[in-house]
């Protein structure tokens, strides 16, 4: 059974482009829309690509900005200038 990588983000205007980018870039992502937050789950890993968020925002975006809307996560974090990845190593 695969481990589940998870991100829970605030459900507000700042997080909406990030949520849309995650849904576009992670086939099979499961979305649970709750009052005040959105939980995104996927087997093994979830990636947030800087370019995908920038495309939706219409401005430059630093992956560190995700911390402003991040409520919780499950998995090991790997982040750099181009992406924010949470997942499980094999």
N, C-alpha and C. Protein backbone atom coordinates (compact mmCIF):
# COMPACT_ATOMS: atom_id res chain seq x y z
N UNK A 1 0.84 -1.18 0.00
CA UNK A 1 0.00 0.00 0.00
C UNK A 1 0.89 1.25 0.00
N UNK A 2 0.59 2.18 -0.89
CA UNK A 2 1.39 3.40 -1.02
C UNK A 2 1.10 4.36 0.13
N UNK A 3 2.13 5.07 0.54
CA UNK A 3 1.93 6.11 1.54
C UNK A 3 1.33 7.34 0.86
N UNK A 4 0.57 8.10 1.61
CA UNK A 4 -0.12 9.26 1.06
C UNK A 4 0.61 10.53 1.44
N UNK A 5 0.97 11.31 0.42
CA UNK A 5 1.52 12.65 0.63
C UNK A 5 0.34 13.61 0.69
N UNK A 6 0.42 14.59 1.57
CA UNK A 6 -0.74 15.45 1.77
C UNK A 6 -0.32 16.89 2.06
N UNK A 7 -1.09 17.83 1.52
CA UNK A 7 -0.96 19.24 1.83
C UNK A 7 -2.35 19.75 2.20
N UNK A 8 -2.43 20.49 3.28
CA UNK A 8 -3.67 21.17 3.65
C UNK A 8 -3.37 22.66 3.61
N UNK A 9 -4.15 23.37 2.79
CA UNK A 9 -3.95 24.80 2.59
C UNK A 9 -5.19 25.57 3.01
N UNK A 10 -4.99 26.81 3.43
CA UNK A 10 -6.13 27.67 3.70
C UNK A 10 -6.96 27.80 2.42
N UNK A 11 -8.25 27.97 2.59
CA UNK A 11 -9.12 28.14 1.42
C UNK A 11 -9.42 29.63 1.28
N UNK A 12 -8.48 30.36 0.64
CA UNK A 12 -8.66 31.79 0.45
C UNK A 12 -8.10 32.20 -0.91
N UNK A 13 -8.20 33.48 -1.24
CA UNK A 13 -7.75 33.95 -2.55
C UNK A 13 -6.26 33.75 -2.77
N UNK A 14 -5.44 33.83 -1.72
CA UNK A 14 -4.00 33.64 -1.86
C UNK A 14 -3.66 32.19 -2.21
N UNK A 15 -4.43 31.25 -1.71
CA UNK A 15 -4.14 29.83 -1.93
C UNK A 15 -4.75 29.28 -3.21
N UNK A 16 -5.78 29.93 -3.73
CA UNK A 16 -6.50 29.40 -4.88
C UNK A 16 -5.60 29.08 -6.08
N UNK A 17 -4.67 29.96 -6.50
CA UNK A 17 -3.80 29.60 -7.62
C UNK A 17 -2.87 28.42 -7.31
N UNK A 18 -2.47 28.29 -6.07
CA UNK A 18 -1.62 27.16 -5.67
C UNK A 18 -2.42 25.87 -5.76
N UNK A 19 -3.64 25.89 -5.26
CA UNK A 19 -4.51 24.70 -5.31
C UNK A 19 -4.76 24.30 -6.76
N UNK A 20 -5.05 25.28 -7.61
CA UNK A 20 -5.29 24.99 -9.03
C UNK A 20 -4.05 24.38 -9.68
N UNK A 21 -2.88 24.90 -9.35
CA UNK A 21 -1.63 24.37 -9.92
C UNK A 21 -1.38 22.93 -9.46
N UNK A 22 -1.64 22.67 -8.18
CA UNK A 22 -1.46 21.30 -7.67
C UNK A 22 -2.39 20.35 -8.39
N UNK A 23 -3.63 20.74 -8.57
CA UNK A 23 -4.61 19.88 -9.24
C UNK A 23 -4.20 19.62 -10.70
N UNK A 24 -3.63 20.63 -11.37
CA UNK A 24 -3.22 20.47 -12.77
C UNK A 24 -1.97 19.61 -12.92
N UNK A 25 -1.03 19.72 -11.97
CA UNK A 25 0.28 19.07 -12.11
C UNK A 25 0.39 17.70 -11.44
N UNK A 26 -0.66 17.26 -10.75
CA UNK A 26 -0.60 16.01 -10.00
C UNK A 26 -1.78 15.11 -10.36
N UNK A 27 -1.66 14.33 -11.44
CA UNK A 27 -2.75 13.44 -11.82
C UNK A 27 -3.13 12.51 -10.66
N UNK A 28 -4.40 12.33 -10.46
CA UNK A 28 -4.87 11.44 -9.40
C UNK A 28 -4.96 12.08 -8.03
N UNK A 29 -4.71 13.38 -7.94
CA UNK A 29 -4.81 14.05 -6.64
C UNK A 29 -6.26 13.99 -6.16
N UNK A 30 -6.41 13.76 -4.87
CA UNK A 30 -7.73 13.73 -4.26
C UNK A 30 -7.90 15.03 -3.46
N UNK A 31 -9.04 15.68 -3.65
CA UNK A 31 -9.28 16.99 -3.04
C UNK A 31 -10.45 16.89 -2.07
N UNK A 32 -10.21 17.33 -0.85
CA UNK A 32 -11.27 17.41 0.16
C UNK A 32 -11.44 18.87 0.51
N UNK A 33 -12.56 19.44 0.10
CA UNK A 33 -12.86 20.85 0.34
C UNK A 33 -13.61 20.96 1.66
N UNK A 34 -12.98 21.59 2.64
CA UNK A 34 -13.57 21.75 3.97
C UNK A 34 -13.77 23.23 4.26
N UNK A 35 -14.59 23.57 5.23
CA UNK A 35 -14.73 24.98 5.59
C UNK A 35 -13.37 25.54 6.05
N UNK A 36 -12.89 26.53 5.35
CA UNK A 36 -11.65 27.19 5.75
C UNK A 36 -10.37 26.60 5.21
N UNK A 37 -10.39 25.36 4.70
CA UNK A 37 -9.17 24.78 4.16
C UNK A 37 -9.48 23.73 3.10
N UNK A 38 -8.45 23.38 2.35
CA UNK A 38 -8.54 22.36 1.30
C UNK A 38 -7.42 21.37 1.54
N UNK A 39 -7.76 20.09 1.59
CA UNK A 39 -6.77 19.02 1.79
C UNK A 39 -6.57 18.32 0.46
N UNK A 40 -5.31 18.22 0.05
CA UNK A 40 -4.95 17.57 -1.20
C UNK A 40 -4.09 16.36 -0.89
N UNK A 41 -4.50 15.19 -1.34
CA UNK A 41 -3.79 13.94 -1.09
C UNK A 41 -3.43 13.27 -2.41
N UNK A 42 -2.29 12.61 -2.41
CA UNK A 42 -1.87 11.83 -3.58
C UNK A 42 -0.91 10.75 -3.09
N UNK A 43 -1.00 9.59 -3.70
CA UNK A 43 -0.07 8.52 -3.34
C UNK A 43 1.36 8.94 -3.66
N UNK A 44 2.24 8.75 -2.71
CA UNK A 44 3.69 8.94 -2.81
C UNK A 44 4.18 10.39 -2.80
N UNK A 45 3.65 11.29 -3.67
CA UNK A 45 4.17 12.66 -3.65
C UNK A 45 3.20 13.67 -4.24
N UNK A 46 3.37 14.90 -3.79
CA UNK A 46 2.65 16.06 -4.33
C UNK A 46 3.70 17.11 -4.66
N UNK A 47 3.58 17.72 -5.83
CA UNK A 47 4.53 18.76 -6.22
C UNK A 47 3.78 20.05 -6.53
N UNK A 48 4.37 21.16 -6.13
CA UNK A 48 3.87 22.48 -6.47
C UNK A 48 4.96 23.14 -7.30
N UNK A 49 4.69 23.30 -8.59
CA UNK A 49 5.67 23.87 -9.50
C UNK A 49 5.54 25.39 -9.57
N UNK A 50 6.65 26.07 -9.39
CA UNK A 50 6.67 27.53 -9.43
C UNK A 50 6.04 28.05 -10.72
N UNK A 51 6.42 27.50 -11.86
CA UNK A 51 5.91 27.98 -13.16
C UNK A 51 4.40 27.85 -13.27
N UNK A 52 3.85 26.78 -12.74
CA UNK A 52 2.40 26.58 -12.79
C UNK A 52 1.65 27.60 -11.94
N UNK A 53 2.20 27.91 -10.77
CA UNK A 53 1.56 28.91 -9.91
C UNK A 53 1.70 30.28 -10.54
N UNK A 54 2.87 30.60 -11.08
CA UNK A 54 3.09 31.90 -11.72
C UNK A 54 2.13 32.11 -12.90
N UNK A 55 1.89 31.05 -13.65
CA UNK A 55 0.97 31.13 -14.78
C UNK A 55 -0.43 31.54 -14.33
N UNK A 56 -0.85 31.04 -13.19
CA UNK A 56 -2.18 31.34 -12.67
C UNK A 56 -2.24 32.69 -11.96
N UNK A 57 -1.12 33.07 -11.34
CA UNK A 57 -1.06 34.34 -10.62
C UNK A 57 -0.83 35.55 -11.53
N UNK A 58 -0.08 35.32 -12.60
CA UNK A 58 0.28 36.42 -13.48
C UNK A 58 1.42 37.27 -12.94
N UNK A 59 2.20 36.69 -12.04
CA UNK A 59 3.37 37.37 -11.47
C UNK A 59 4.37 36.32 -11.02
N UNK A 60 5.56 36.77 -10.65
CA UNK A 60 6.55 35.82 -10.13
C UNK A 60 6.09 35.32 -8.76
N UNK A 61 6.45 34.09 -8.46
CA UNK A 61 6.05 33.46 -7.21
C UNK A 61 7.22 32.66 -6.67
N UNK A 62 7.54 32.85 -5.42
CA UNK A 62 8.59 32.10 -4.75
C UNK A 62 7.93 30.93 -4.02
N UNK A 63 8.37 29.70 -4.24
CA UNK A 63 7.77 28.56 -3.55
C UNK A 63 7.71 28.70 -2.03
N UNK A 64 8.57 29.54 -1.44
CA UNK A 64 8.50 29.79 0.01
C UNK A 64 7.19 30.45 0.42
N UNK A 65 6.52 31.11 -0.54
CA UNK A 65 5.25 31.77 -0.24
C UNK A 65 4.16 30.79 0.16
N UNK A 66 4.33 29.52 -0.17
CA UNK A 66 3.32 28.53 0.21
C UNK A 66 3.15 28.47 1.73
N UNK A 67 4.21 28.82 2.45
CA UNK A 67 4.14 28.76 3.91
C UNK A 67 3.12 29.74 4.49
N UNK A 68 2.74 30.75 3.72
CA UNK A 68 1.75 31.72 4.17
C UNK A 68 0.34 31.14 4.21
N UNK A 69 0.11 30.06 3.46
CA UNK A 69 -1.23 29.45 3.41
C UNK A 69 -1.22 27.98 3.82
N UNK A 70 -0.06 27.46 4.19
CA UNK A 70 0.08 26.05 4.56
C UNK A 70 -0.42 25.80 5.98
N UNK A 71 -1.36 24.87 6.12
CA UNK A 71 -1.89 24.51 7.43
C UNK A 71 -1.14 23.28 7.95
N UNK A 72 -1.01 22.25 7.10
CA UNK A 72 -0.30 21.04 7.51
C UNK A 72 0.15 20.27 6.28
N UNK A 73 1.04 19.31 6.52
CA UNK A 73 1.51 18.46 5.44
C UNK A 73 1.89 17.09 6.00
N UNK A 74 1.88 16.11 5.11
CA UNK A 74 2.33 14.77 5.48
C UNK A 74 3.30 14.30 4.41
N UNK A 75 4.50 13.95 4.84
CA UNK A 75 5.54 13.51 3.93
C UNK A 75 6.83 14.28 4.20
N UNK A 76 7.87 13.88 3.51
CA UNK A 76 9.16 14.55 3.63
C UNK A 76 9.18 15.74 2.68
N UNK A 77 9.71 16.84 3.14
CA UNK A 77 9.75 18.07 2.35
C UNK A 77 11.05 18.18 1.57
N UNK A 78 10.92 18.54 0.30
CA UNK A 78 12.06 18.84 -0.56
C UNK A 78 11.67 20.08 -1.36
N UNK A 79 12.36 21.19 -1.12
CA UNK A 79 12.00 22.42 -1.82
C UNK A 79 13.24 23.09 -2.38
N UNK A 80 13.05 23.76 -3.51
CA UNK A 80 14.11 24.55 -4.10
C UNK A 80 13.48 25.76 -4.77
N UNK A 81 14.22 26.44 -5.64
CA UNK A 81 13.72 27.65 -6.28
C UNK A 81 12.59 27.41 -7.27
N UNK A 82 12.43 26.17 -7.74
CA UNK A 82 11.46 25.87 -8.78
C UNK A 82 10.26 25.04 -8.35
N UNK A 83 10.33 24.47 -7.14
CA UNK A 83 9.21 23.61 -6.73
C UNK A 83 9.21 23.40 -5.23
N UNK A 84 8.05 22.97 -4.75
CA UNK A 84 7.84 22.58 -3.36
C UNK A 84 7.27 21.17 -3.45
N UNK A 85 8.00 20.19 -2.93
CA UNK A 85 7.58 18.80 -3.05
C UNK A 85 7.47 18.17 -1.68
N UNK A 86 6.37 17.48 -1.46
CA UNK A 86 6.21 16.70 -0.25
C UNK A 86 5.91 15.27 -0.68
N UNK A 87 6.64 14.32 -0.11
CA UNK A 87 6.47 12.94 -0.55
C UNK A 87 7.21 11.95 0.31
N UNK A 88 7.16 10.72 -0.12
CA UNK A 88 7.77 9.60 0.61
C UNK A 88 8.77 8.93 -0.30
N UNK A 89 9.96 8.73 0.19
CA UNK A 89 10.99 7.99 -0.55
C UNK A 89 10.65 6.51 -0.51
N UNK A 90 11.05 5.81 -1.53
CA UNK A 90 10.79 4.35 -1.60
C UNK A 90 11.68 3.61 -0.64
